[in-house]
Amino acid sequence: MIKKISIKEFREIGYLQELNRQFLHPLGMALEINVEEEDGTETLGGIWDSRDDPEGIIYDLENSGSGRVKAFSEKRDRVHKLAKDKRNSRVAALNYVVEPIPYIPSLEEDNKNEDLSLI
């Protein structure tokens, strides 16, 4: 059985923020979480698509007030500590952090030195 983290905990710890800030925002995307007003239930929403924006998406923390910056900083630091701990364990056990994808030369590279003529 696979354990699951709640969407609320995923957001509160800072995983959503850092996933968006470090990976999705520079690509012009953002993962959205919806919070129901009635009961506070949190669900995954859609993926915002601003891929046509050359700069991608930003939080614009410089113009959002010190309280928001402090909250973002705390989440960033929390996730970075968790990532550092996990990184050390993964390197010790696996010799990598991010699982490598084996290199498979492209068809063009495979055929670079081959004569592909039909004659």
N, C-alpha and C. Protein backbone atom coordinates (compact mmCIF):
# COMPACT_ATOMS: atom_id res chain seq x y z
N MET A 1 0.84 -1.19 0.00
CA MET A 1 0.00 0.00 0.00
C MET A 1 0.88 1.24 0.00
N ILE A 2 0.57 2.16 -0.86
CA ILE A 2 1.34 3.41 -0.96
C ILE A 2 0.77 4.44 0.00
N LYS A 3 1.66 4.98 0.86
CA LYS A 3 1.25 6.06 1.75
C LYS A 3 1.05 7.32 0.93
N LYS A 4 0.12 8.15 1.37
CA LYS A 4 -0.13 9.42 0.68
C LYS A 4 -0.12 10.56 1.68
N ILE A 5 0.40 11.69 1.23
CA ILE A 5 0.37 12.91 2.01
C ILE A 5 -0.90 13.66 1.59
N SER A 6 -1.51 14.34 2.51
CA SER A 6 -2.70 15.13 2.14
C SER A 6 -2.26 16.34 1.31
N ILE A 7 -3.16 16.80 0.48
CA ILE A 7 -2.88 17.97 -0.33
C ILE A 7 -2.63 19.18 0.57
N LYS A 8 -3.37 19.26 1.66
CA LYS A 8 -3.19 20.36 2.61
C LYS A 8 -1.77 20.35 3.18
N GLU A 9 -1.30 19.19 3.62
CA GLU A 9 0.05 19.09 4.18
C GLU A 9 1.09 19.40 3.10
N PHE A 10 0.86 18.93 1.87
CA PHE A 10 1.76 19.20 0.74
C PHE A 10 1.92 20.71 0.55
N ARG A 11 0.83 21.43 0.67
CA ARG A 11 0.86 22.89 0.53
C ARG A 11 1.48 23.55 1.75
N GLU A 12 1.04 23.15 2.95
CA GLU A 12 1.49 23.81 4.18
C GLU A 12 2.99 23.64 4.42
N ILE A 13 3.53 22.47 4.13
CA ILE A 13 4.96 22.25 4.35
C ILE A 13 5.78 23.12 3.41
N GLY A 14 5.29 23.32 2.19
CA GLY A 14 6.01 24.14 1.23
C GLY A 14 6.37 23.40 -0.06
N TYR A 15 5.96 22.15 -0.18
CA TYR A 15 6.28 21.40 -1.39
C TYR A 15 5.65 22.04 -2.63
N LEU A 16 4.41 22.48 -2.53
CA LEU A 16 3.75 23.12 -3.66
C LEU A 16 4.51 24.38 -4.07
N GLN A 17 4.83 25.20 -3.09
CA GLN A 17 5.57 26.44 -3.37
C GLN A 17 6.86 26.16 -4.10
N GLU A 18 7.64 25.21 -3.59
CA GLU A 18 8.95 24.95 -4.17
C GLU A 18 8.86 24.23 -5.51
N LEU A 19 7.88 23.35 -5.67
CA LEU A 19 7.64 22.72 -6.97
C LEU A 19 7.33 23.79 -8.01
N ASN A 20 6.45 24.70 -7.64
CA ASN A 20 6.10 25.79 -8.55
C ASN A 20 7.28 26.72 -8.78
N ARG A 21 7.90 27.19 -7.72
CA ARG A 21 8.96 28.20 -7.82
C ARG A 21 10.19 27.69 -8.56
N GLN A 22 10.61 26.46 -8.25
CA GLN A 22 11.86 25.96 -8.80
C GLN A 22 11.71 25.26 -10.14
N PHE A 23 10.55 24.66 -10.39
CA PHE A 23 10.42 23.88 -11.61
C PHE A 23 9.36 24.42 -12.56
N LEU A 24 8.13 24.54 -12.09
CA LEU A 24 7.04 24.89 -13.00
C LEU A 24 7.02 26.35 -13.42
N HIS A 25 7.23 27.28 -12.49
CA HIS A 25 7.17 28.71 -12.84
C HIS A 25 8.16 29.08 -13.96
N PRO A 26 9.42 28.65 -13.89
CA PRO A 26 10.34 29.00 -14.99
C PRO A 26 9.89 28.46 -16.35
N LEU A 27 9.08 27.41 -16.34
CA LEU A 27 8.55 26.85 -17.58
C LEU A 27 7.24 27.51 -17.99
N GLY A 28 6.75 28.43 -17.17
CA GLY A 28 5.50 29.13 -17.48
C GLY A 28 4.27 28.36 -17.03
N MET A 29 4.41 27.53 -16.01
CA MET A 29 3.28 26.74 -15.51
C MET A 29 3.21 26.84 -13.98
N ALA A 30 2.07 26.44 -13.43
CA ALA A 30 1.91 26.39 -11.98
C ALA A 30 0.85 25.35 -11.65
N LEU A 31 1.11 24.57 -10.62
CA LEU A 31 0.12 23.63 -10.10
C LEU A 31 -0.77 24.39 -9.13
N GLU A 32 -2.06 24.21 -9.26
CA GLU A 32 -3.04 24.94 -8.46
C GLU A 32 -3.69 24.00 -7.45
N ILE A 33 -3.91 24.53 -6.25
CA ILE A 33 -4.68 23.83 -5.22
C ILE A 33 -5.91 24.68 -4.92
N ASN A 34 -7.06 24.03 -4.91
CA ASN A 34 -8.32 24.71 -4.57
C ASN A 34 -8.67 24.42 -3.12
N VAL A 35 -9.07 25.46 -2.38
CA VAL A 35 -9.50 25.31 -1.00
C VAL A 35 -10.98 25.68 -0.93
N GLU A 36 -11.79 24.71 -0.50
CA GLU A 36 -13.23 24.94 -0.39
C GLU A 36 -13.51 25.86 0.79
N GLU A 37 -14.27 26.92 0.55
CA GLU A 37 -14.59 27.88 1.61
C GLU A 37 -15.40 27.26 2.73
N GLU A 38 -16.34 26.38 2.38
CA GLU A 38 -17.25 25.81 3.38
C GLU A 38 -16.55 24.96 4.43
N ASP A 39 -15.70 24.03 3.98
CA ASP A 39 -15.11 23.10 4.94
C ASP A 39 -13.58 23.05 4.92
N GLY A 40 -12.94 23.85 4.08
CA GLY A 40 -11.48 23.89 4.03
C GLY A 40 -10.84 22.73 3.28
N THR A 41 -11.64 21.88 2.66
CA THR A 41 -11.12 20.76 1.89
C THR A 41 -10.22 21.28 0.77
N GLU A 42 -9.09 20.64 0.58
CA GLU A 42 -8.15 21.05 -0.46
C GLU A 42 -8.04 19.97 -1.51
N THR A 43 -8.12 20.39 -2.77
CA THR A 43 -8.01 19.47 -3.89
C THR A 43 -7.06 20.04 -4.92
N LEU A 44 -6.47 19.16 -5.69
CA LEU A 44 -5.63 19.63 -6.79
C LEU A 44 -6.52 20.26 -7.84
N GLY A 45 -6.13 21.41 -8.29
CA GLY A 45 -6.85 22.07 -9.38
C GLY A 45 -6.17 21.70 -10.68
N GLY A 46 -6.05 22.65 -11.55
CA GLY A 46 -5.41 22.39 -12.82
C GLY A 46 -3.98 22.85 -12.83
N ILE A 47 -3.41 22.83 -14.01
CA ILE A 47 -2.07 23.35 -14.24
C ILE A 47 -2.24 24.65 -15.02
N TRP A 48 -1.82 25.75 -14.42
CA TRP A 48 -1.87 27.02 -15.14
C TRP A 48 -0.90 26.94 -16.31
N ASP A 49 -1.27 27.54 -17.41
CA ASP A 49 -0.44 27.47 -18.60
C ASP A 49 -0.13 28.88 -19.11
N SER A 50 1.08 29.33 -18.79
CA SER A 50 1.57 30.62 -19.30
C SER A 50 2.86 30.38 -20.07
N ARG A 51 2.91 29.25 -20.76
CA ARG A 51 4.14 28.91 -21.50
C ARG A 51 4.46 29.92 -22.57
N ASP A 52 3.48 30.71 -23.02
CA ASP A 52 3.73 31.73 -24.03
C ASP A 52 4.33 33.00 -23.43
N ASP A 53 4.42 33.09 -22.10
CA ASP A 53 5.05 34.23 -21.42
C ASP A 53 6.56 33.97 -21.35
N PRO A 54 7.37 34.80 -21.99
CA PRO A 54 8.82 34.54 -22.03
C PRO A 54 9.47 34.46 -20.65
N GLU A 55 8.94 35.18 -19.66
CA GLU A 55 9.54 35.16 -18.33
C GLU A 55 8.97 34.05 -17.44
N GLY A 56 7.91 33.42 -17.83
CA GLY A 56 7.27 32.43 -16.98
C GLY A 56 6.44 33.11 -15.90
N ILE A 57 6.22 32.43 -14.81
CA ILE A 57 5.38 32.93 -13.71
C ILE A 57 6.29 33.27 -12.53
N ILE A 58 5.94 34.32 -11.79
CA ILE A 58 6.68 34.68 -10.57
C ILE A 58 5.69 34.93 -9.44
N TYR A 59 6.18 34.80 -8.22
CA TYR A 59 5.38 35.14 -7.04
C TYR A 59 5.39 36.64 -6.77
N ASP A 60 6.42 37.36 -7.25
CA ASP A 60 6.58 38.79 -7.04
C ASP A 60 6.61 39.14 -5.55
N LEU A 61 7.47 38.46 -4.83
CA LEU A 61 7.57 38.64 -3.38
C LEU A 61 8.08 40.03 -2.99
N GLU A 62 8.85 40.66 -3.84
CA GLU A 62 9.38 41.98 -3.51
C GLU A 62 8.28 43.00 -3.28
N ASN A 63 7.12 42.78 -3.86
CA ASN A 63 6.01 43.72 -3.74
C ASN A 63 4.84 43.16 -2.95
N SER A 64 5.09 42.17 -2.11
CA SER A 64 3.97 41.51 -1.44
C SER A 64 3.95 41.63 0.07
N GLY A 65 4.88 42.32 0.66
CA GLY A 65 4.87 42.52 2.11
C GLY A 65 5.74 41.54 2.85
N SER A 66 6.24 41.98 4.00
CA SER A 66 7.21 41.17 4.75
C SER A 66 6.60 39.89 5.33
N GLY A 67 5.31 39.93 5.67
CA GLY A 67 4.67 38.72 6.21
C GLY A 67 4.66 37.59 5.21
N ARG A 68 4.35 37.92 3.97
CA ARG A 68 4.32 36.90 2.92
C ARG A 68 5.73 36.40 2.63
N VAL A 69 6.70 37.32 2.61
CA VAL A 69 8.09 36.92 2.36
C VAL A 69 8.56 35.99 3.46
N LYS A 70 8.22 36.30 4.70
CA LYS A 70 8.63 35.45 5.83
C LYS A 70 8.03 34.06 5.69
N ALA A 71 6.75 33.96 5.35
CA ALA A 71 6.10 32.66 5.19
C ALA A 71 6.75 31.87 4.05
N PHE A 72 7.04 32.54 2.95
CA PHE A 72 7.69 31.87 1.82
C PHE A 72 9.09 31.40 2.21
N SER A 73 9.81 32.23 2.94
CA SER A 73 11.17 31.87 3.37
C SER A 73 11.15 30.67 4.29
N GLU A 74 10.20 30.62 5.20
CA GLU A 74 10.11 29.49 6.13
C GLU A 74 9.82 28.20 5.38
N LYS A 75 8.91 28.26 4.42
CA LYS A 75 8.60 27.06 3.62
C LYS A 75 9.81 26.64 2.80
N ARG A 76 10.48 27.62 2.17
CA ARG A 76 11.67 27.31 1.39
C ARG A 76 12.71 26.61 2.25
N ASP A 77 12.99 27.16 3.43
CA ASP A 77 14.00 26.58 4.30
C ASP A 77 13.62 25.18 4.78
N ARG A 78 12.33 24.99 5.09
CA ARG A 78 11.85 23.68 5.54
C ARG A 78 12.04 22.63 4.44
N VAL A 79 11.62 22.97 3.23
CA VAL A 79 11.73 22.02 2.12
C VAL A 79 13.20 21.76 1.78
N HIS A 80 14.02 22.78 1.82
CA HIS A 80 15.44 22.60 1.52
C HIS A 80 16.11 21.69 2.55
N LYS A 81 15.74 21.81 3.82
CA LYS A 81 16.29 20.91 4.84
C LYS A 81 15.84 19.48 4.59
N LEU A 82 14.56 19.30 4.30
CA LEU A 82 14.06 17.95 4.00
C LEU A 82 14.75 17.38 2.77
N ALA A 83 14.97 18.21 1.76
CA ALA A 83 15.64 17.75 0.54
C ALA A 83 17.09 17.39 0.82
N LYS A 84 17.77 18.17 1.67
CA LYS A 84 19.16 17.87 2.01
C LYS A 84 19.26 16.53 2.72
N ASP A 85 18.37 16.31 3.68
CA ASP A 85 18.37 15.03 4.40
C ASP A 85 18.11 13.87 3.45
N LYS A 86 17.14 14.02 2.57
CA LYS A 86 16.81 12.97 1.60
C LYS A 86 17.96 12.77 0.62
N ARG A 87 18.58 13.87 0.20
CA ARG A 87 19.70 13.80 -0.73
C ARG A 87 20.83 12.95 -0.16
N ASN A 88 21.18 13.19 1.11
CA ASN A 88 22.26 12.43 1.73
C ASN A 88 21.93 10.94 1.76
N SER A 89 20.69 10.60 2.08
CA SER A 89 20.28 9.19 2.12
C SER A 89 20.31 8.57 0.73
N ARG A 90 19.85 9.30 -0.26
CA ARG A 90 19.81 8.76 -1.64
C ARG A 90 21.22 8.56 -2.18
N VAL A 91 22.11 9.51 -1.94
CA VAL A 91 23.48 9.36 -2.43
C VAL A 91 24.15 8.17 -1.75
N ALA A 92 23.93 8.03 -0.45
CA ALA A 92 24.53 6.91 0.27
C ALA A 92 24.02 5.57 -0.25
N ALA A 93 22.73 5.49 -0.53
CA ALA A 93 22.13 4.21 -0.94
C ALA A 93 22.21 3.97 -2.45
N LEU A 94 22.11 5.04 -3.24
CA LEU A 94 21.94 4.86 -4.68
C LEU A 94 23.07 5.45 -5.53
N ASN A 95 23.84 6.33 -4.92
CA ASN A 95 24.92 7.04 -5.61
C ASN A 95 24.41 8.14 -6.54
N TYR A 96 23.19 8.57 -6.36
CA TYR A 96 22.63 9.70 -7.10
C TYR A 96 21.49 10.28 -6.29
N VAL A 97 21.10 11.51 -6.66
CA VAL A 97 19.92 12.15 -6.07
C VAL A 97 18.76 12.00 -7.04
N VAL A 98 18.94 12.53 -8.25
CA VAL A 98 17.92 12.42 -9.29
C VAL A 98 18.25 11.18 -10.11
N GLU A 99 17.27 10.30 -10.24
CA GLU A 99 17.49 9.06 -10.97
C GLU A 99 17.90 9.36 -12.42
N PRO A 100 19.05 8.86 -12.83
CA PRO A 100 19.49 9.13 -14.19
C PRO A 100 18.69 8.31 -15.20
N ILE A 101 18.52 8.87 -16.37
CA ILE A 101 17.91 8.15 -17.48
C ILE A 101 19.06 7.69 -18.36
N PRO A 102 19.14 6.41 -18.63
CA PRO A 102 20.26 5.92 -19.45
C PRO A 102 20.29 6.63 -20.81
N TYR A 103 21.48 6.90 -21.26
CA TYR A 103 21.67 7.56 -22.54
C TYR A 103 21.37 6.59 -23.67
N ILE A 104 20.51 7.01 -24.56
CA ILE A 104 20.23 6.25 -25.78
C ILE A 104 20.43 7.23 -26.93
N PRO A 105 21.42 6.97 -27.74
CA PRO A 105 21.68 7.92 -28.83
C PRO A 105 20.46 8.08 -29.72
N SER A 106 20.28 9.28 -30.22
CA SER A 106 19.17 9.52 -31.13
C SER A 106 19.42 8.81 -32.44
N LEU A 107 18.38 8.65 -33.20
CA LEU A 107 18.51 7.99 -34.50
C LEU A 107 19.55 8.70 -35.35
N GLU A 108 19.54 10.04 -35.30
CA GLU A 108 20.50 10.81 -36.09
C GLU A 108 21.93 10.48 -35.68
N GLU A 109 22.18 10.40 -34.37
CA GLU A 109 23.52 10.07 -33.90
C GLU A 109 23.89 8.64 -34.25
N ASP A 110 22.93 7.71 -34.12
CA ASP A 110 23.18 6.31 -34.45
C ASP A 110 23.60 6.16 -35.91
N ASN A 111 22.97 6.96 -36.75
CA ASN A 111 23.18 6.80 -38.18
C ASN A 111 24.25 7.74 -38.74
N LYS A 112 24.88 8.49 -37.90
CA LYS A 112 25.85 9.48 -38.34
C LYS A 112 26.95 8.87 -39.19
N ASN A 113 27.48 7.75 -38.77
CA ASN A 113 28.62 7.14 -39.46
C ASN A 113 28.19 5.96 -40.33
N GLU A 114 26.93 5.75 -40.49
CA GLU A 114 26.46 4.63 -41.31
C GLU A 114 26.01 5.13 -42.67
N ASP A 115 26.23 4.33 -43.67
CA ASP A 115 25.73 4.64 -45.00
C ASP A 115 24.30 4.13 -45.08
N LEU A 116 23.35 5.06 -45.20
CA LEU A 116 21.95 4.69 -45.20
C LEU A 116 21.36 4.60 -46.60
N SER A 117 22.22 4.71 -47.59
CA SER A 117 21.69 4.64 -48.95
C SER A 117 21.16 3.24 -49.25
N LEU A 118 20.23 3.17 -50.17
CA LEU A 118 19.61 1.89 -50.53
C LEU A 118 20.36 1.17 -51.64
N ILE A 119 21.39 1.79 -52.18
CA ILE A 119 22.13 1.19 -53.29
C ILE A 119 23.24 0.31 -52.76
